[in-house]
Amino acid sequence: MTNNANINLVDWYKASLAKVYPHSLRSSLFNYDKCVFGISLGSKNFTDTKRIEACIKWISENFKTCLVLVTDSIYRLTMEVRQGIEGDEAWLEAIRTGEEFVNENTLLFEKYSENCRFELRMASEILERSDFNIYYEELENLYQKNESFQSMVKSFAQKYLNQGEPIEVEELKQKHLAIMYLFEESAINACLVKEGWLVFVYPGSIKTFEEISEGLHPEVPEPLKQMIWVSLRLKKRNARSGNEK
């Protein structure tokens, strides 16, 4: 007789639509046929293959084309904050980590490519564009003169810094790096919106982009005002019963 206690259950994740910003577009979201899937290197949702696959599956069921944005260059700032790695060493390690993600997950994207065409792009490529620099400077200037935007940025920076274990890096420098992270990511998103990629899909919540997409910061660079932010919910299940955990 089989002892059910010894049966190994295979855990998996199911992705579902949580929220859409602006809220007014929730009912018409799927009129858009393409989206951006942003990969935050080092985040638990992107180091667990099962979580990644759940997102890919959901995207493949709802969009025809997806730009997979691997935020390699931005990850150098995370390593500097979390590990104290600086300069060229941080840059090279970030690029290597991005390449590693692509190598480890290419087959996963191909698995779902029958219904959706997945195109992988590295954030480091976008940093070289002139419009990236323009949007970055606009965000810097806005931060200096707009109290509401400055408050939002500071809130993001604090939350970002609270996510990891503190290391011996001077506090002002850490805050500067966190703000750089947000400005770089925002400028990259602006570049993609300019190309026609309006819908951004992400597992979980990033309050900053939710507020921007909802129109709460109308002074941001023009493309960001067109950005549609989609938050996915990931639920853990098991293969035997399908029960949620």
Protein backbone atom coordinates (compact mmCIF):
# COMPACT_ATOMS: atom_id res chain seq x y z
CA MET A 1 0.00 0.00 0.00
CA THR A 2 1.36 3.40 -0.97
CA ASN A 3 2.00 5.87 1.82
CA ASN A 4 0.52 9.15 0.58
CA ALA A 5 2.79 11.06 2.94
CA ASN A 6 5.74 10.05 0.77
CA ILE A 7 4.26 11.32 -2.49
CA ASN A 8 6.28 14.24 -3.85
CA LEU A 9 4.05 17.05 -5.07
CA VAL A 10 5.38 19.19 -7.90
CA ASP A 11 4.82 22.85 -7.12
CA TRP A 12 4.11 25.32 -9.90
CA TYR A 13 2.76 28.84 -10.27
CA LYS A 14 -0.21 30.32 -12.04
CA ALA A 15 -0.17 33.95 -13.15
CA SER A 16 -3.30 36.06 -13.32
CA LEU A 17 -4.12 39.69 -13.94
CA ALA A 18 -4.01 41.68 -10.70
CA LYS A 19 -4.24 45.36 -11.66
CA VAL A 20 -3.98 47.63 -14.68
CA TYR A 21 -2.87 51.26 -14.60
CA PRO A 22 -4.58 53.42 -15.62
CA HIS A 23 -7.58 51.57 -14.16
CA SER A 24 -9.79 52.84 -16.96
CA LEU A 25 -7.99 50.57 -19.46
CA ARG A 26 -8.51 47.27 -17.63
CA SER A 27 -11.51 46.27 -19.75
CA SER A 28 -9.74 47.12 -23.02
CA LEU A 29 -6.22 45.90 -22.14
CA PHE A 30 -6.29 43.00 -24.56
CA ASN A 31 -7.03 45.29 -27.49
CA TYR A 32 -3.25 45.77 -27.38
CA ASP A 33 -1.39 42.93 -29.06
CA LYS A 34 2.14 43.49 -27.75
CA CYS A 35 3.82 44.09 -24.42
CA VAL A 36 7.14 44.50 -22.60
CA PHE A 37 8.11 41.91 -19.97
CA GLY A 38 10.71 43.52 -17.70
CA ILE A 39 13.25 41.20 -16.08
CA SER A 40 14.57 42.43 -12.72
CA LEU A 41 17.78 40.45 -12.34
CA GLY A 42 18.30 39.09 -8.83
CA SER A 43 14.63 39.35 -7.85
CA LYS A 44 13.02 36.13 -6.58
CA ASN A 45 10.43 36.22 -9.37
CA PHE A 46 13.24 35.99 -11.93
CA THR A 47 15.54 33.47 -10.26
CA ASP A 48 12.77 30.86 -9.96
CA THR A 49 12.12 29.20 -13.33
CA LYS A 50 8.58 28.22 -12.33
CA ARG A 51 7.67 31.83 -11.57
CA ILE A 52 9.17 32.98 -14.86
CA GLU A 53 7.28 30.30 -16.79
CA ALA A 54 3.97 31.31 -15.22
CA CYS A 55 4.48 34.87 -16.49
CA ILE A 56 5.56 33.72 -19.95
CA LYS A 57 2.53 31.43 -20.23
CA TRP A 58 0.14 34.23 -19.27
CA ILE A 59 1.75 36.62 -21.75
CA SER A 60 1.61 34.02 -24.54
CA GLU A 61 -2.13 33.58 -23.93
CA ASN A 62 -2.88 37.30 -24.09
CA PHE A 63 -0.40 38.97 -26.48
CA LYS A 64 0.98 38.24 -29.94
CA THR A 65 4.39 39.86 -29.44
CA CYS A 66 6.49 40.42 -26.33
CA LEU A 67 9.71 42.34 -25.86
CA VAL A 68 11.64 40.71 -23.02
CA LEU A 69 13.70 43.50 -21.46
CA VAL A 70 16.67 42.10 -19.52
CA THR A 71 17.78 44.95 -17.24
CA ASP A 72 21.45 43.99 -17.21
CA SER A 73 23.03 47.46 -16.98
CA ILE A 74 20.69 48.57 -14.18
CA TYR A 75 21.66 45.50 -12.16
CA ARG A 76 25.15 46.99 -11.67
CA LEU A 77 23.55 49.54 -9.33
CA THR A 78 21.89 46.79 -7.32
CA MET A 79 25.23 45.02 -6.93
CA GLU A 80 26.88 48.23 -5.81
CA VAL A 81 24.18 48.79 -3.18
CA ARG A 82 23.90 45.16 -2.04
CA GLN A 83 27.47 43.90 -2.44
CA GLY A 84 29.68 46.97 -2.63
CA ILE A 85 30.96 46.04 -6.10
CA GLU A 86 31.82 49.18 -8.08
CA GLY A 87 32.80 50.55 -11.48
CA ASP A 88 33.89 48.26 -14.30
CA GLU A 89 33.65 45.20 -12.07
CA ALA A 90 29.96 45.87 -11.35
CA TRP A 91 29.27 46.60 -15.02
CA LEU A 92 30.94 43.42 -16.29
CA GLU A 93 29.23 41.27 -13.66
CA ALA A 94 25.85 42.81 -14.52
CA ILE A 95 26.34 42.15 -18.23
CA ARG A 96 27.42 38.57 -17.45
CA THR A 97 24.36 38.03 -15.25
CA GLY A 98 22.09 39.26 -18.04
CA GLU A 99 23.71 36.91 -20.55
CA GLU A 100 23.36 34.06 -18.06
CA PHE A 101 19.64 34.76 -17.70
CA VAL A 102 19.19 34.65 -21.47
CA ASN A 103 21.16 31.41 -21.82
CA GLU A 104 19.24 29.72 -19.00
CA ASN A 105 15.77 30.76 -20.18
CA THR A 106 15.87 30.91 -23.99
CA LEU A 107 14.26 27.47 -24.33
CA LEU A 108 11.50 28.52 -21.94
CA PHE A 109 10.54 31.43 -24.18
CA GLU A 110 10.75 29.18 -27.25
CA LYS A 111 8.35 26.73 -25.56
CA TYR A 112 5.59 29.35 -25.73
CA SER A 113 6.57 30.99 -29.01
CA GLU A 114 3.85 29.32 -31.08
CA ASN A 115 1.24 31.84 -29.93
CA CYS A 116 3.52 34.77 -29.05
CA ARG A 117 6.76 35.98 -30.59
CA PHE A 118 9.31 36.75 -27.87
CA GLU A 119 12.11 39.20 -28.64
CA LEU A 120 14.92 39.55 -26.11
CA ARG A 121 16.68 42.87 -25.66
CA MET A 122 19.31 44.04 -23.18
CA ALA A 123 18.87 47.32 -21.33
CA SER A 124 22.58 48.05 -21.90
CA GLU A 125 21.82 48.50 -25.61
CA ILE A 126 19.29 51.24 -24.88
CA LEU A 127 21.66 53.18 -22.61
CA GLU A 128 23.69 54.09 -25.71
CA ARG A 129 20.80 55.92 -27.37
CA SER A 130 20.62 59.72 -27.45
CA ASP A 131 16.94 59.76 -26.46
CA PHE A 132 17.81 57.79 -23.30
CA ASN A 133 20.08 60.65 -22.21
CA ILE A 134 17.39 63.21 -23.00
CA TYR A 135 14.77 61.43 -20.88
CA TYR A 136 17.25 60.84 -18.05
CA GLU A 137 18.09 64.55 -17.89
CA GLU A 138 14.39 65.46 -17.96
CA LEU A 139 13.82 63.21 -14.94
CA GLU A 140 16.79 64.72 -13.09
CA ASN A 141 15.50 68.24 -13.72
CA LEU A 142 11.98 67.28 -12.67
CA TYR A 143 13.35 65.83 -9.43
CA GLN A 144 15.03 69.15 -8.63
CA LYS A 145 11.98 71.34 -9.17
CA ASN A 146 8.85 69.23 -8.51
CA GLU A 147 8.10 68.37 -4.87
CA SER A 148 5.50 65.70 -5.66
CA PHE A 149 7.82 63.87 -8.03
CA GLN A 150 10.73 64.24 -5.61
CA SER A 151 8.64 62.72 -2.82
CA MET A 152 7.71 59.74 -5.01
CA VAL A 153 11.35 59.18 -6.00
CA LYS A 154 12.53 59.32 -2.39
CA SER A 155 9.85 56.83 -1.41
CA PHE A 156 11.00 54.46 -4.16
CA ALA A 157 14.63 54.84 -3.11
CA GLN A 158 13.87 54.02 0.51
CA LYS A 159 11.82 50.95 -0.39
CA TYR A 160 14.52 49.79 -2.79
CA LEU A 161 17.21 50.14 -0.11
CA ASN A 162 15.07 48.33 2.48
CA GLN A 163 14.81 45.22 0.29
CA GLY A 164 18.35 43.99 0.92
CA GLU A 165 20.77 43.48 3.76
CA PRO A 166 22.61 46.71 4.65
CA ILE A 167 26.34 46.89 3.90
CA GLU A 168 29.01 49.41 4.78
CA VAL A 169 28.25 51.94 2.05
CA GLU A 170 27.77 55.61 2.88
CA GLU A 171 24.04 56.37 3.22
CA LEU A 172 23.93 59.34 0.82
CA LYS A 173 25.74 57.31 -1.81
CA GLN A 174 23.23 54.47 -1.43
CA LYS A 175 20.31 56.87 -1.90
CA HIS A 176 21.98 58.36 -4.96
CA LEU A 177 22.40 54.88 -6.48
CA ALA A 178 18.76 54.02 -5.77
CA ILE A 179 17.60 57.22 -7.47
CA MET A 180 19.88 56.50 -10.44
CA TYR A 181 18.27 53.06 -10.68
CA LEU A 182 14.79 54.57 -10.96
CA PHE A 183 15.84 57.26 -13.45
CA GLU A 184 17.63 54.75 -15.69
CA GLU A 185 14.71 52.33 -15.65
CA SER A 186 12.23 55.15 -16.32
CA ALA A 187 14.30 56.55 -19.20
CA ILE A 188 14.58 53.06 -20.73
CA ASN A 189 10.81 52.62 -20.46
CA ALA A 190 10.32 56.01 -22.12
CA CYS A 191 12.51 54.90 -25.04
CA LEU A 192 10.43 51.74 -25.47
CA VAL A 193 7.13 53.62 -25.34
CA LYS A 194 8.51 55.91 -28.03
CA GLU A 195 9.05 52.78 -30.16
CA GLY A 196 5.40 51.82 -29.68
CA TRP A 197 5.70 49.43 -26.73
CA LEU A 198 2.96 50.82 -24.49
CA VAL A 199 2.07 47.87 -22.23
CA PHE A 200 4.50 46.80 -19.49
CA VAL A 201 3.88 43.50 -17.69
CA TYR A 202 5.44 42.80 -14.29
CA PRO A 203 4.86 40.18 -11.57
CA GLY A 204 4.06 42.12 -8.43
CA SER A 205 3.75 45.82 -7.73
CA ILE A 206 6.00 48.79 -8.47
CA LYS A 207 4.12 51.72 -6.98
CA THR A 208 6.21 54.32 -8.82
CA PHE A 209 5.23 53.13 -12.29
CA GLU A 210 1.66 52.50 -11.18
CA GLU A 211 1.37 56.15 -10.11
CA ILE A 212 2.96 57.42 -13.31
CA SER A 213 0.67 55.28 -15.48
CA GLU A 214 -2.36 56.42 -13.50
CA GLY A 215 -1.45 60.02 -14.41
CA LEU A 216 -0.51 61.19 -10.91
CA HIS A 217 2.74 62.77 -12.15
CA PRO A 218 1.82 64.57 -15.39
CA GLU A 219 5.15 66.41 -15.56
CA VAL A 220 7.13 63.26 -16.46
CA PRO A 221 8.59 62.87 -19.97
CA GLU A 222 5.83 62.58 -22.56
CA PRO A 223 6.28 58.86 -23.40
CA LEU A 224 5.88 57.82 -19.76
CA LYS A 225 2.42 59.40 -19.71
CA GLN A 226 1.38 56.85 -22.35
CA MET A 227 2.74 53.86 -20.42
CA ILE A 228 0.24 51.15 -19.39
CA TRP A 229 1.39 49.20 -16.34
CA VAL A 230 0.11 45.66 -15.79
CA SER A 231 0.64 43.93 -12.46
CA LEU A 232 0.45 40.12 -12.37
CA ARG A 233 -0.42 37.98 -9.37
CA LEU A 234 1.49 34.69 -8.93
CA LYS A 235 -0.17 31.90 -6.94
CA LYS A 236 1.61 28.75 -5.88
CA ARG A 237 -0.17 25.48 -6.64
CA ASN A 238 0.69 21.79 -6.77
CA ALA A 239 0.36 19.32 -9.61
CA ARG A 240 -1.60 16.64 -7.72
CA SER A 241 -4.59 18.59 -6.47
CA GLY A 242 -4.24 22.05 -7.99
CA ASN A 243 -4.74 23.51 -4.55
CA GLU A 244 -3.38 26.98 -3.89
CA LYS A 245 -0.87 27.42 -1.09
